Amino acid sequence: MRTGQGALATVPPVVFATVLGLFGLLAAPATLAGPVGDTQAELWAAGCAACHGTHGASVGGFPPLAGRSASELLALMLRQRAGQADSTIMHQHARGFSEAELARIAAVFAARPKP
């Protein structure tokens, strides 16, 4: 290393960016955990945003999920999964999760404030 340069000056930019990105991933679980603290369920619930809005606060043609009771949401998702409710795609999404996983997703939305 030449005089006057810090240790970071010798690190290639790609390596430096990768290390910063990894530190960001390490901090992500605390950010994603939200009020429920179930990081995995928060990640599953994030997939609902395309139709039901960010954090379940829909502003479009789909019903909001945030702030509804966990038991109501679980019952709806189980009906969707069983093909007992009209839907375009929700029955396919619900089939990808066990009942316990759906209950965890429902808890995430129930813990969020109503829009």
Protein backbone atom coordinates (compact mmCIF):
# COMPACT_ATOMS: atom_id res chain seq x y z
CA MET A 1 0.00 0.00 0.00
CA ARG A 2 1.28 3.43 -0.86
CA THR A 3 1.67 6.10 1.78
CA GLY A 4 -1.41 8.28 2.22
CA GLN A 5 -3.96 5.68 1.14
CA GLY A 6 -6.35 3.92 3.47
CA ALA A 7 -6.94 0.18 3.44
CA LEU A 8 -10.20 0.62 1.49
CA ALA A 9 -8.33 2.17 -1.43
CA THR A 10 -6.89 -1.25 -2.28
CA VAL A 11 -10.23 -3.09 -2.25
CA PRO A 12 -11.75 -3.52 -5.72
CA PRO A 13 -15.12 -1.73 -6.03
CA VAL A 14 -16.98 -4.99 -6.77
CA VAL A 15 -15.71 -6.60 -3.57
CA PHE A 16 -16.51 -3.48 -1.57
CA ALA A 17 -20.08 -3.36 -2.94
CA THR A 18 -20.57 -7.07 -2.24
CA VAL A 19 -19.45 -6.68 1.36
CA LEU A 20 -21.77 -3.69 1.86
CA GLY A 21 -24.64 -5.70 0.36
CA LEU A 22 -23.99 -8.59 2.74
CA PHE A 23 -24.08 -6.22 5.69
CA GLY A 24 -27.43 -4.97 4.39
CA LEU A 25 -28.77 -8.53 4.28
CA LEU A 26 -27.64 -9.12 7.84
CA ALA A 27 -29.59 -6.05 8.96
CA ALA A 28 -32.72 -6.95 6.92
CA PRO A 29 -34.36 -9.42 9.34
CA ALA A 30 -34.68 -6.76 12.02
CA THR A 31 -36.28 -4.43 9.48
CA LEU A 32 -38.63 -7.06 8.04
CA ALA A 33 -39.74 -8.49 11.34
CA GLY A 34 -42.34 -5.78 11.93
CA PRO A 35 -44.87 -6.02 14.73
CA VAL A 36 -45.25 -9.79 14.62
CA GLY A 37 -41.56 -10.68 14.72
CA ASP A 38 -41.98 -13.67 12.38
CA THR A 39 -39.51 -12.81 9.64
CA GLN A 40 -40.36 -15.82 7.48
CA ALA A 41 -44.08 -15.02 7.58
CA GLU A 42 -43.31 -11.38 6.77
CA LEU A 43 -41.44 -12.53 3.67
CA TRP A 44 -44.33 -14.78 2.61
CA ALA A 45 -46.80 -11.93 3.21
CA ALA A 46 -44.73 -9.58 1.06
CA GLY A 47 -45.79 -11.64 -1.95
CA CYS A 48 -49.38 -10.51 -1.39
CA ALA A 49 -48.50 -6.88 -2.19
CA ALA A 50 -48.95 -7.25 -5.95
CA CYS A 51 -52.72 -7.58 -5.51
CA HIS A 52 -53.49 -6.53 -1.95
CA GLY A 53 -51.16 -3.52 -1.72
CA THR A 54 -48.05 -2.77 0.25
CA HIS A 55 -48.39 -4.17 3.77
CA GLY A 56 -51.91 -5.36 2.88
CA ALA A 57 -53.31 -1.83 2.52
CA SER A 58 -55.00 -2.23 -0.87
CA VAL A 59 -56.22 0.81 -2.74
CA GLY A 60 -57.41 -1.09 -5.80
CA GLY A 61 -59.97 -3.71 -6.65
CA PHE A 62 -58.68 -6.29 -4.17
CA PRO A 63 -59.71 -6.28 -0.50
CA PRO A 64 -57.23 -4.91 2.03
CA LEU A 65 -55.77 -7.47 4.41
CA ALA A 66 -54.19 -5.22 7.03
CA GLY A 67 -56.02 -4.97 10.32
CA ARG A 68 -58.46 -7.82 9.69
CA SER A 69 -58.69 -10.58 12.26
CA ALA A 70 -56.26 -13.47 11.87
CA SER A 71 -59.05 -16.02 12.22
CA GLU A 72 -61.09 -14.36 9.45
CA LEU A 73 -58.08 -14.20 7.12
CA LEU A 74 -57.13 -17.80 7.82
CA ALA A 75 -60.68 -18.98 7.16
CA LEU A 76 -60.73 -17.08 3.86
CA MET A 77 -57.39 -18.48 2.75
CA LEU A 78 -58.42 -22.02 3.68
CA ARG A 79 -61.64 -21.63 1.67
CA GLN A 80 -59.59 -20.32 -1.27
CA ARG A 81 -57.17 -23.22 -0.99
CA ALA A 82 -60.03 -25.74 -0.95
CA GLY A 83 -61.59 -24.15 -4.04
CA GLN A 84 -64.69 -23.11 -2.06
CA ALA A 85 -64.43 -19.40 -2.90
CA ASP A 86 -64.35 -17.56 -6.21
CA SER A 87 -60.94 -16.32 -7.19
CA THR A 88 -58.70 -15.76 -10.15
CA ILE A 89 -55.38 -16.82 -8.67
CA MET A 90 -55.69 -16.86 -4.88
CA HIS A 91 -56.54 -20.56 -4.74
CA GLN A 92 -53.19 -21.30 -6.40
CA HIS A 93 -51.28 -19.11 -3.95
CA ALA A 94 -53.00 -20.63 -0.93
CA ARG A 95 -52.22 -24.17 -2.08
CA GLY A 96 -48.53 -23.38 -1.78
CA PHE A 97 -48.75 -23.10 2.01
CA SER A 98 -49.66 -25.41 4.87
CA GLU A 99 -52.46 -24.42 7.24
CA ALA A 100 -49.88 -23.46 9.86
CA GLU A 101 -48.04 -21.25 7.36
CA LEU A 102 -51.30 -19.58 6.30
CA ALA A 103 -52.03 -18.92 9.98
CA ARG A 104 -48.65 -17.21 10.32
CA ILE A 105 -49.35 -15.05 7.24
CA ALA A 106 -52.79 -14.16 8.64
CA ALA A 107 -51.14 -13.09 11.91
CA VAL A 108 -48.82 -10.74 10.03
CA PHE A 109 -51.72 -8.91 8.39
CA ALA A 110 -53.83 -8.90 11.56
CA ALA A 111 -51.01 -7.12 13.41
CA ARG A 112 -50.87 -4.31 10.86
CA PRO A 113 -53.04 -1.19 11.18
CA LYS A 114 -56.15 -0.90 9.03
CA PRO A 115 -55.61 1.29 5.97
